[in-house]
Amino acid sequence: IMVLQGCATTAPKNAEPEVDPIDPHEKVNRVSYNFTDSIDRMIFEPVVNVYIDYMPNAAQRSIGNFYDNIAYPNVALNAFLQGKFRQGLQDSLRFVINSTVGMFGLFDMATHMGLQAHDEDFGQTLGVWGMNTGSYIFVPFLGPSSERDVTNIPMGLFTNVLFYAGYVFSAPIMAPLTILGAIDKRARLAGPMRIRDQAALDPYLFVREASLQRREFLIYDGKPPLDLYNERFQDNPFEKDLKPARKTTDQ
């Protein structure tokens, strides 16, 4: 972000502001970001700080394991949709083991058995099959997304065990579980958000670029093409050195 800001130039007074093709709705997104950030700092952050300080680490891990497990059918389903059938079977088995032997997911027994966790969702599935990211979107309370990745919101809802548990259990049971899930998710983001506050010149841009790069990283299973990041820099300082090298290789 600091490199990009350092290369930025000041537009003439009479010139119309350029529209970022990645974020054409930046004004609306910034309003959504600032509103969500204000609510977070006033309500969620104090509660999360108490949760982190007074909840034992072992209990926090078990709570995190529980919410990861009830959302894991979405991972297994999208592994199949991406054509990763072996991984899909392993993810399905992982869900069954943690739901039974792991006591509803409180204990991650599947990892001890060699079944590693994966991170798949419907937005990644669309990306794997060639759909472009589309415009960047900051969804209030839910965070950064895009026109492609926002499709995972309903998919993630309907594949979450907690959604169907609401038809079985009453509101006095489901409401605390939902609130605890939001606190757990926010607690996991405590570290990255501190980095954002300490290092970012523009927190909005920091969150946007970090989220977009992470999504591409996940779509390519940790092996994104190098030119994916080079395209973000119009003036590549190594470009002059690379061109002669290519000519020499071709010769």
C-alpha atoms as a PDB file:
ATOM      1  CA  ILE A   1       0.000   0.000   0.000  1.00  0.00           C
ATOM      2  CA  MET A   2       2.833   2.422   0.863  1.00  0.00           C
ATOM      3  CA  VAL A   3       4.479   1.723  -2.511  1.00  0.00           C
ATOM      4  CA  LEU A   4       1.210   2.383  -4.351  1.00  0.00           C
ATOM      5  CA  GLN A   5       0.604   5.601  -2.449  1.00  0.00           C
ATOM      6  CA  GLY A   6       4.149   6.764  -3.089  1.00  0.00           C
ATOM      7  CA  CYS A   7       3.672   6.325  -6.841  1.00  0.00           C
ATOM      8  CA  ALA A   8       0.349   8.196  -6.866  1.00  0.00           C
ATOM      9  CA  THR A   9       0.177  11.573  -8.573  1.00  0.00           C
ATOM     10  CA  THR A  10      -2.031  14.542  -7.810  1.00  0.00           C
ATOM     11  CA  ALA A  11      -4.841  15.003 -10.292  1.00  0.00           C
ATOM     12  CA  PRO A  12      -5.519  18.456 -11.796  1.00  0.00           C
ATOM     13  CA  LYS A  13      -8.203  20.500 -10.094  1.00  0.00           C
ATOM     14  CA  ASN A  14     -10.548  20.425 -13.081  1.00  0.00           C
ATOM     15  CA  ALA A  15      -9.972  16.767 -13.902  1.00  0.00           C
ATOM     16  CA  GLU A  16     -12.586  14.193 -13.000  1.00  0.00           C
ATOM     17  CA  PRO A  17     -11.422  11.667 -10.380  1.00  0.00           C
ATOM     18  CA  GLU A  18     -10.365   8.376 -11.911  1.00  0.00           C
ATOM     19  CA  VAL A  19     -12.533   5.363 -11.122  1.00  0.00           C
ATOM     20  CA  ASP A  20     -10.650   2.340  -9.885  1.00  0.00           C
ATOM     21  CA  PRO A  21     -11.838  -0.643 -11.985  1.00  0.00           C
ATOM     22  CA  ILE A  22     -11.306  -2.910  -8.988  1.00  0.00           C
ATOM     23  CA  ASP A  23     -13.346  -0.673  -6.684  1.00  0.00           C
ATOM     24  CA  PRO A  24     -15.736   1.478  -8.733  1.00  0.00           C
ATOM     25  CA  HIS A  25     -18.074   1.802  -5.738  1.00  0.00           C
ATOM     26  CA  GLU A  26     -15.364   3.060  -3.391  1.00  0.00           C
ATOM     27  CA  LYS A  27     -17.444   5.892  -1.930  1.00  0.00           C
ATOM     28  CA  VAL A  28     -20.239   3.536  -0.880  1.00  0.00           C
ATOM     29  CA  ASN A  29     -17.775   0.912   0.286  1.00  0.00           C
ATOM     30  CA  ARG A  30     -15.932   3.433   2.447  1.00  0.00           C
ATOM     31  CA  VAL A  31     -19.198   4.468   4.100  1.00  0.00           C
ATOM     32  CA  SER A  32     -19.974   0.815   4.780  1.00  0.00           C
ATOM     33  CA  TYR A  33     -16.443   0.205   6.065  1.00  0.00           C
ATOM     34  CA  ASN A  34     -16.464   3.244   8.379  1.00  0.00           C
ATOM     35  CA  PHE A  35     -19.898   2.347   9.750  1.00  0.00           C
ATOM     36  CA  THR A  36     -18.886  -1.259  10.435  1.00  0.00           C
ATOM     37  CA  ASP A  37     -15.580  -0.181  11.970  1.00  0.00           C
ATOM     38  CA  SER A  38     -17.352   2.275  14.283  1.00  0.00           C
ATOM     39  CA  ILE A  39     -19.786  -0.380  15.513  1.00  0.00           C
ATOM     40  CA  ASP A  40     -16.899  -2.779  15.980  1.00  0.00           C
ATOM     41  CA  ARG A  41     -14.855  -0.352  18.077  1.00  0.00           C
ATOM     42  CA  MET A  42     -17.809   0.682  20.229  1.00  0.00           C
ATOM     43  CA  ILE A  43     -19.417  -2.730  20.825  1.00  0.00           C
ATOM     44  CA  PHE A  44     -17.479  -5.746  19.613  1.00  0.00           C
ATOM     45  CA  GLU A  45     -13.914  -4.782  20.478  1.00  0.00           C
ATOM     46  CA  PRO A  46     -14.502  -4.258  24.232  1.00  0.00           C
ATOM     47  CA  VAL A  47     -16.421  -7.546  24.465  1.00  0.00           C
ATOM     48  CA  VAL A  48     -13.769  -9.415  22.493  1.00  0.00           C
ATOM     49  CA  ASN A  49     -10.981  -8.018  24.653  1.00  0.00           C
ATOM     50  CA  VAL A  50     -12.713  -9.401  27.754  1.00  0.00           C
ATOM     51  CA  TYR A  51     -13.240 -12.723  25.951  1.00  0.00           C
ATOM     52  CA  ILE A  52      -9.554 -12.990  25.030  1.00  0.00           C
ATOM     53  CA  ASP A  53      -8.298 -11.906  28.451  1.00  0.00           C
ATOM     54  CA  TYR A  54     -10.503 -14.092  30.633  1.00  0.00           C
ATOM     55  CA  MET A  55     -11.477 -17.101  28.502  1.00  0.00           C
ATOM     56  CA  PRO A  56      -8.839 -19.865  28.834  1.00  0.00           C
ATOM     57  CA  ASN A  57      -6.942 -20.612  25.617  1.00  0.00           C
ATOM     58  CA  ALA A  58      -8.087 -24.237  25.647  1.00  0.00           C
ATOM     59  CA  ALA A  59     -11.710 -23.113  25.815  1.00  0.00           C
ATOM     60  CA  GLN A  60     -11.170 -20.630  22.989  1.00  0.00           C
ATOM     61  CA  ARG A  61      -9.712 -23.404  20.816  1.00  0.00           C
ATOM     62  CA  SER A  62     -12.664 -25.688  21.532  1.00  0.00           C
ATOM     63  CA  ILE A  63     -15.165 -22.932  20.756  1.00  0.00           C
ATOM     64  CA  GLY A  64     -13.329 -22.153  17.512  1.00  0.00           C
ATOM     65  CA  ASN A  65     -13.254 -25.853  16.602  1.00  0.00           C
ATOM     66  CA  PHE A  66     -17.004 -26.091  17.196  1.00  0.00           C
ATOM     67  CA  TYR A  67     -17.874 -23.213  14.865  1.00  0.00           C
ATOM     68  CA  ASP A  68     -15.394 -24.381  12.232  1.00  0.00           C
ATOM     69  CA  ASN A  69     -16.993 -27.812  12.291  1.00  0.00           C
ATOM     70  CA  ILE A  70     -20.623 -26.728  11.954  1.00  0.00           C
ATOM     71  CA  ALA A  71     -19.612 -24.646   8.899  1.00  0.00           C
ATOM     72  CA  TYR A  72     -17.424 -27.375   7.384  1.00  0.00           C
ATOM     73  CA  PRO A  73     -20.108 -28.961   5.122  1.00  0.00           C
ATOM     74  CA  ASN A  74     -19.645 -25.871   2.934  1.00  0.00           C
ATOM     75  CA  VAL A  75     -15.960 -26.763   2.542  1.00  0.00           C
ATOM     76  CA  ALA A  76     -16.686 -30.381   1.607  1.00  0.00           C
ATOM     77  CA  LEU A  77     -19.449 -29.440  -0.858  1.00  0.00           C
ATOM     78  CA  ASN A  78     -17.308 -26.891  -2.695  1.00  0.00           C
ATOM     79  CA  ALA A  79     -14.375 -29.300  -2.859  1.00  0.00           C
ATOM     80  CA  PHE A  80     -16.651 -31.600  -4.887  1.00  0.00           C
ATOM     81  CA  LEU A  81     -17.918 -28.682  -6.999  1.00  0.00           C
ATOM     82  CA  GLN A  82     -14.302 -27.787  -7.845  1.00  0.00           C
ATOM     83  CA  GLY A  83     -13.598 -31.330  -9.007  1.00  0.00           C
ATOM     84  CA  LYS A  84     -11.454 -32.209  -5.984  1.00  0.00           C
ATOM     85  CA  PHE A  85     -13.248 -35.481  -5.313  1.00  0.00           C
ATOM     86  CA  ARG A  86     -10.582 -37.046  -3.131  1.00  0.00           C
ATOM     87  CA  GLN A  87     -10.349 -33.913  -1.006  1.00  0.00           C
ATOM     88  CA  GLY A  88     -14.143 -33.766  -0.841  1.00  0.00           C
ATOM     89  CA  LEU A  89     -14.287 -37.301   0.555  1.00  0.00           C
ATOM     90  CA  GLN A  90     -11.582 -36.483   3.091  1.00  0.00           C
ATOM     91  CA  ASP A  91     -13.387 -33.295   4.132  1.00  0.00           C
ATOM     92  CA  SER A  92     -16.663 -35.214   4.520  1.00  0.00           C
ATOM     93  CA  LEU A  93     -14.914 -37.808   6.667  1.00  0.00           C
ATOM     94  CA  ARG A  94     -13.299 -35.044   8.684  1.00  0.00           C
ATOM     95  CA  PHE A  95     -16.708 -33.537   9.430  1.00  0.00           C
ATOM     96  CA  VAL A  96     -18.135 -36.910  10.506  1.00  0.00           C
ATOM     97  CA  ILE A  97     -15.179 -37.698  12.789  1.00  0.00           C
ATOM     98  CA  ASN A  98     -15.151 -34.313  14.501  1.00  0.00           C
ATOM     99  CA  SER A  99     -18.936 -34.348  14.894  1.00  0.00           C
ATOM    100  CA  THR A 100     -18.874 -37.741  16.600  1.00  0.00           C
ATOM    101  CA  VAL A 101     -15.525 -38.628  18.158  1.00  0.00           C
ATOM    102  CA  GLY A 102     -14.704 -34.940  18.548  1.00  0.00           C
ATOM    103  CA  MET A 103     -17.910 -34.277  20.521  1.00  0.00           C
ATOM    104  CA  PHE A 104     -19.760 -32.009  18.086  1.00  0.00           C
ATOM    105  CA  GLY A 105     -16.491 -30.491  16.915  1.00  0.00           C
ATOM    106  CA  LEU A 106     -15.218 -29.273  20.274  1.00  0.00           C
ATOM    107  CA  PHE A 107     -12.087 -31.361  19.741  1.00  0.00           C
ATOM    108  CA  ASP A 108     -10.279 -31.567  16.401  1.00  0.00           C
ATOM    109  CA  MET A 109      -9.699 -35.324  16.363  1.00  0.00           C
ATOM    110  CA  ALA A 110      -9.598 -35.492  12.542  1.00  0.00           C
ATOM    111  CA  THR A 111      -6.357 -33.526  12.364  1.00  0.00           C
ATOM    112  CA  HIS A 112      -4.705 -35.985  14.739  1.00  0.00           C
ATOM    113  CA  MET A 113      -5.824 -38.745  12.348  1.00  0.00           C
ATOM    114  CA  GLY A 114      -4.109 -37.059   9.395  1.00  0.00           C
ATOM    115  CA  LEU A 115      -7.171 -35.338   7.876  1.00  0.00           C
ATOM    116  CA  GLN A 116      -6.045 -31.750   7.432  1.00  0.00           C
ATOM    117  CA  ALA A 117      -8.498 -28.851   7.314  1.00  0.00           C
ATOM    118  CA  HIS A 118      -9.092 -26.994   4.049  1.00  0.00           C
ATOM    119  CA  ASP A 119     -10.639 -23.656   3.174  1.00  0.00           C
ATOM    120  CA  GLU A 120     -13.104 -23.785   0.277  1.00  0.00           C
ATOM    121  CA  ASP A 121     -16.257 -21.805  -0.469  1.00  0.00           C
ATOM    122  CA  PHE A 122     -18.578 -21.023  -3.363  1.00  0.00           C
ATOM    123  CA  GLY A 123     -16.697 -17.860  -4.328  1.00  0.00           C
ATOM    124  CA  GLN A 124     -13.541 -19.917  -4.769  1.00  0.00           C
ATOM    125  CA  THR A 125     -15.495 -22.478  -6.781  1.00  0.00           C
ATOM    126  CA  LEU A 126     -16.659 -19.795  -9.225  1.00  0.00           C
ATOM    127  CA  GLY A 127     -13.086 -18.497  -9.418  1.00  0.00           C
ATOM    128  CA  VAL A 128     -11.711 -21.966 -10.138  1.00  0.00           C
ATOM    129  CA  TRP A 129     -14.145 -22.296 -13.054  1.00  0.00           C
ATOM    130  CA  GLY A 130     -13.032 -18.979 -14.540  1.00  0.00           C
ATOM    131  CA  MET A 131     -15.436 -16.366 -13.185  1.00  0.00           C
ATOM    132  CA  ASN A 132     -13.799 -12.980 -12.680  1.00  0.00           C
ATOM    133  CA  THR A 133     -13.709 -11.356  -9.262  1.00  0.00           C
ATOM    134  CA  GLY A 134     -15.871  -8.437 -10.310  1.00  0.00           C
ATOM    135  CA  SER A 135     -16.130  -5.237  -8.314  1.00  0.00           C
ATOM    136  CA  TYR A 136     -14.937  -5.073  -4.733  1.00  0.00           C
ATOM    137  CA  ILE A 137     -17.749  -4.915  -2.170  1.00  0.00           C
ATOM    138  CA  PHE A 138     -17.576  -4.233   1.553  1.00  0.00           C
ATOM    139  CA  VAL A 139     -20.616  -5.884   3.115  1.00  0.00           C
ATOM    140  CA  PRO A 140     -21.751  -4.207   6.369  1.00  0.00           C
ATOM    141  CA  PHE A 141     -20.816  -6.305   9.431  1.00  0.00           C
ATOM    142  CA  LEU A 142     -19.583  -9.176   7.238  1.00  0.00           C
ATOM    143  CA  GLY A 143     -16.499  -7.482   5.801  1.00  0.00           C
ATOM    144  CA  PRO A 144     -14.677  -7.422   2.442  1.00  0.00           C
ATOM    145  CA  SER A 145     -16.058  -9.366  -0.499  1.00  0.00           C
ATOM    146  CA  SER A 146     -16.675  -9.006  -4.242  1.00  0.00           C
ATOM    147  CA  GLU A 147     -19.428  -9.503  -6.793  1.00  0.00           C
ATOM    148  CA  ARG A 148     -18.222 -13.088  -7.182  1.00  0.00           C
ATOM    149  CA  ASP A 149     -17.471 -13.957  -3.567  1.00  0.00           C
ATOM    150  CA  VAL A 150     -20.657 -12.460  -2.143  1.00  0.00           C
ATOM    151  CA  THR A 151     -22.486 -15.490  -3.559  1.00  0.00           C
ATOM    152  CA  ASN A 152     -20.968 -17.543  -0.755  1.00  0.00           C
ATOM    153  CA  ILE A 153     -23.093 -15.731   1.846  1.00  0.00           C
ATOM    154  CA  PRO A 154     -26.323 -17.654   1.082  1.00  0.00           C
ATOM    155  CA  MET A 155     -24.357 -20.821   0.291  1.00  0.00           C
ATOM    156  CA  GLY A 156     -22.518 -20.633   3.606  1.00  0.00           C
ATOM    157  CA  LEU A 157     -25.797 -20.025   5.426  1.00  0.00           C
ATOM    158  CA  PHE A 158     -27.655 -22.999   3.965  1.00  0.00           C
ATOM    159  CA  THR A 159     -24.734 -25.389   4.498  1.00  0.00           C
ATOM    160  CA  ASN A 160     -24.216 -24.364   8.133  1.00  0.00           C
ATOM    161  CA  VAL A 161     -25.495 -26.852  10.694  1.00  0.00           C
ATOM    162  CA  LEU A 162     -26.521 -23.989  12.969  1.00  0.00           C
ATOM    163  CA  PHE A 163     -29.076 -22.864  10.362  1.00  0.00           C
ATOM    164  CA  TYR A 164     -30.954 -26.173  10.594  1.00  0.00           C
ATOM    165  CA  ALA A 165     -30.502 -26.423  14.350  1.00  0.00           C
ATOM    166  CA  GLY A 166     -32.699 -23.335  14.605  1.00  0.00           C
ATOM    167  CA  TYR A 167     -35.679 -25.457  13.546  1.00  0.00           C
ATOM    168  CA  VAL A 168     -35.040 -27.896  16.400  1.00  0.00           C
ATOM    169  CA  PHE A 169     -33.923 -25.717  19.290  1.00  0.00           C
ATOM    170  CA  SER A 170     -35.638 -22.642  20.680  1.00  0.00           C
ATOM    171  CA  ALA A 171     -34.475 -19.039  20.426  1.00  0.00           C
ATOM    172  CA  PRO A 172     -33.078 -18.916  24.004  1.00  0.00           C
ATOM    173  CA  ILE A 173     -30.566 -21.566  22.901  1.00  0.00           C
ATOM    174  CA  MET A 174     -29.837 -20.352  19.387  1.00  0.00           C
ATOM    175  CA  ALA A 175     -29.388 -16.656  20.201  1.00  0.00           C
ATOM    176  CA  PRO A 176     -26.437 -17.185  22.604  1.00  0.00           C
ATOM    177  CA  LEU A 177     -24.837 -19.618  20.131  1.00  0.00           C
ATOM    178  CA  THR A 178     -25.106 -17.048  17.351  1.00  0.00           C
ATOM    179  CA  ILE A 179     -23.664 -14.253  19.511  1.00  0.00           C
ATOM    180  CA  LEU A 180     -20.835 -16.477  20.721  1.00  0.00           C
ATOM    181  CA  GLY A 181     -20.026 -17.361  17.109  1.00  0.00           C
ATOM    182  CA  ALA A 182     -19.734 -13.665  16.213  1.00  0.00           C
ATOM    183  CA  ILE A 183     -17.449 -13.064  19.212  1.00  0.00           C
ATOM    184  CA  ASP A 184     -15.287 -16.052  18.291  1.00  0.00           C
ATOM    185  CA  LYS A 185     -14.919 -14.852  14.693  1.00  0.00           C
ATOM    186  CA  ARG A 186     -14.004 -11.337  15.811  1.00  0.00           C
ATOM    187  CA  ALA A 187     -11.487 -12.692  18.351  1.00  0.00           C
ATOM    188  CA  ARG A 188      -9.649 -14.542  15.583  1.00  0.00           C
ATOM    189  CA  LEU A 189      -9.291 -11.275  13.683  1.00  0.00           C
ATOM    190  CA  ALA A 190      -7.876  -9.399  16.684  1.00  0.00           C
ATOM    191  CA  GLY A 191      -4.250  -9.868  15.566  1.00  0.00           C
ATOM    192  CA  PRO A 192      -4.698  -8.830  11.912  1.00  0.00           C
ATOM    193  CA  MET A 193      -6.791  -5.839  12.943  1.00  0.00           C
ATOM    194  CA  ARG A 194      -4.071  -4.638  15.302  1.00  0.00           C
ATOM    195  CA  ILE A 195      -1.618  -4.859  12.404  1.00  0.00           C
ATOM    196  CA  ARG A 196      -4.037  -2.841  10.282  1.00  0.00           C
ATOM    197  CA  ASP A 197      -4.291  -0.114  12.907  1.00  0.00           C
ATOM    198  CA  GLN A 198      -0.536   0.071  13.467  1.00  0.00           C
ATOM    199  CA  ALA A 199       0.824  -0.249   9.919  1.00  0.00           C
ATOM    200  CA  ALA A 200      -1.786   1.019   7.477  1.00  0.00           C
ATOM    201  CA  LEU A 201      -1.713   4.590   6.185  1.00  0.00           C
ATOM    202  CA  ASP A 202      -5.223   4.046   4.830  1.00  0.00           C
ATOM    203  CA  PRO A 203      -6.964   1.184   6.713  1.00  0.00           C
ATOM    204  CA  TYR A 204      -9.638   0.864   4.021  1.00  0.00           C
ATOM    205  CA  LEU A 205      -7.079   0.276   1.258  1.00  0.00           C
ATOM    206  CA  PHE A 206      -5.104  -2.059   3.512  1.00  0.00           C
ATOM    207  CA  VAL A 207      -8.166  -4.255   4.088  1.00  0.00           C
ATOM    208  CA  ARG A 208      -9.174  -4.174   0.422  1.00  0.00           C
ATOM    209  CA  GLU A 209      -5.801  -5.174  -1.011  1.00  0.00           C
ATOM    210  CA  ALA A 210      -5.133  -7.782   1.664  1.00  0.00           C
ATOM    211  CA  SER A 211      -8.534  -9.423   1.176  1.00  0.00           C
ATOM    212  CA  LEU A 212      -8.296  -9.508  -2.633  1.00  0.00           C
ATOM    213  CA  GLN A 213      -4.809 -11.011  -2.566  1.00  0.00           C
ATOM    214  CA  ARG A 214      -5.864 -13.604   0.018  1.00  0.00           C
ATOM    215  CA  ARG A 215      -8.814 -14.652  -2.150  1.00  0.00           C
ATOM    216  CA  GLU A 216      -6.571 -15.189  -5.170  1.00  0.00           C
ATOM    217  CA  PHE A 217      -4.143 -17.112  -2.947  1.00  0.00           C
ATOM    218  CA  LEU A 218      -6.955 -19.444  -1.875  1.00  0.00           C
ATOM    219  CA  ILE A 219      -8.306 -19.935  -5.393  1.00  0.00           C
ATOM    220  CA  TYR A 220      -4.888 -21.094  -6.625  1.00  0.00           C
ATOM    221  CA  ASP A 221      -4.405 -23.267  -3.495  1.00  0.00           C
ATOM    222  CA  GLY A 222      -1.427 -21.241  -2.362  1.00  0.00           C
ATOM    223  CA  LYS A 223       0.321 -21.160  -5.759  1.00  0.00           C
ATOM    224  CA  PRO A 224      -0.891 -18.030  -7.584  1.00  0.00           C
ATOM    225  CA  PRO A 225       0.888 -17.051 -10.829  1.00  0.00           C
ATOM    226  CA  LEU A 226       3.540 -14.389 -10.272  1.00  0.00           C
ATOM    227  CA  ASP A 227       2.153 -12.075 -12.959  1.00  0.00           C
ATOM    228  CA  LEU A 228      -1.038 -11.807 -10.921  1.00  0.00           C
ATOM    229  CA  TYR A 229       0.751  -9.423  -8.550  1.00  0.00           C
ATOM    230  CA  ASN A 230       3.022  -7.789 -11.122  1.00  0.00           C
ATOM    231  CA  GLU A 231      -0.057  -6.400 -12.891  1.00  0.00           C
ATOM    232  CA  ARG A 232      -0.798  -4.195  -9.880  1.00  0.00           C
ATOM    233  CA  PHE A 233       2.392  -2.196 -10.578  1.00  0.00           C
ATOM    234  CA  GLN A 234       2.307  -0.209 -13.806  1.00  0.00           C
ATOM    235  CA  ASP A 235       6.013   0.595 -13.622  1.00  0.00           C
ATOM    236  CA  ASN A 236       7.892  -2.614 -12.915  1.00  0.00           C
ATOM    237  CA  PRO A 237      11.465  -1.699 -11.829  1.00  0.00           C
ATOM    238  CA  PHE A 238      12.691  -5.083 -13.058  1.00  0.00           C
ATOM    239  CA  GLU A 239      11.015  -4.897 -16.451  1.00  0.00           C
ATOM    240  CA  LYS A 240      14.090  -3.534 -18.263  1.00  0.00           C
ATOM    241  CA  ASP A 241      16.261  -6.254 -16.800  1.00  0.00           C
ATOM    242  CA  LEU A 242      13.800  -9.003 -17.695  1.00  0.00           C
ATOM    243  CA  LYS A 243      13.368  -8.154 -21.367  1.00  0.00           C
ATOM    244  CA  PRO A 244      17.042  -8.626 -22.426  1.00  0.00           C
ATOM    245  CA  ALA A 245      17.179 -11.837 -20.453  1.00  0.00           C
ATOM    246  CA  ARG A 246      14.217 -13.188 -22.381  1.00  0.00           C
ATOM    247  CA  LYS A 247      15.774 -12.255 -25.711  1.00  0.00           C
ATOM    248  CA  THR A 248      18.990 -14.005 -24.785  1.00  0.00           C
ATOM    249  CA  THR A 249      17.080 -17.112 -23.781  1.00  0.00           C
ATOM    250  CA  ASP A 250      15.109 -17.131 -27.035  1.00  0.00           C
ATOM    251  CA  GLN A 251      18.306 -16.738 -29.055  1.00  0.00           C
END
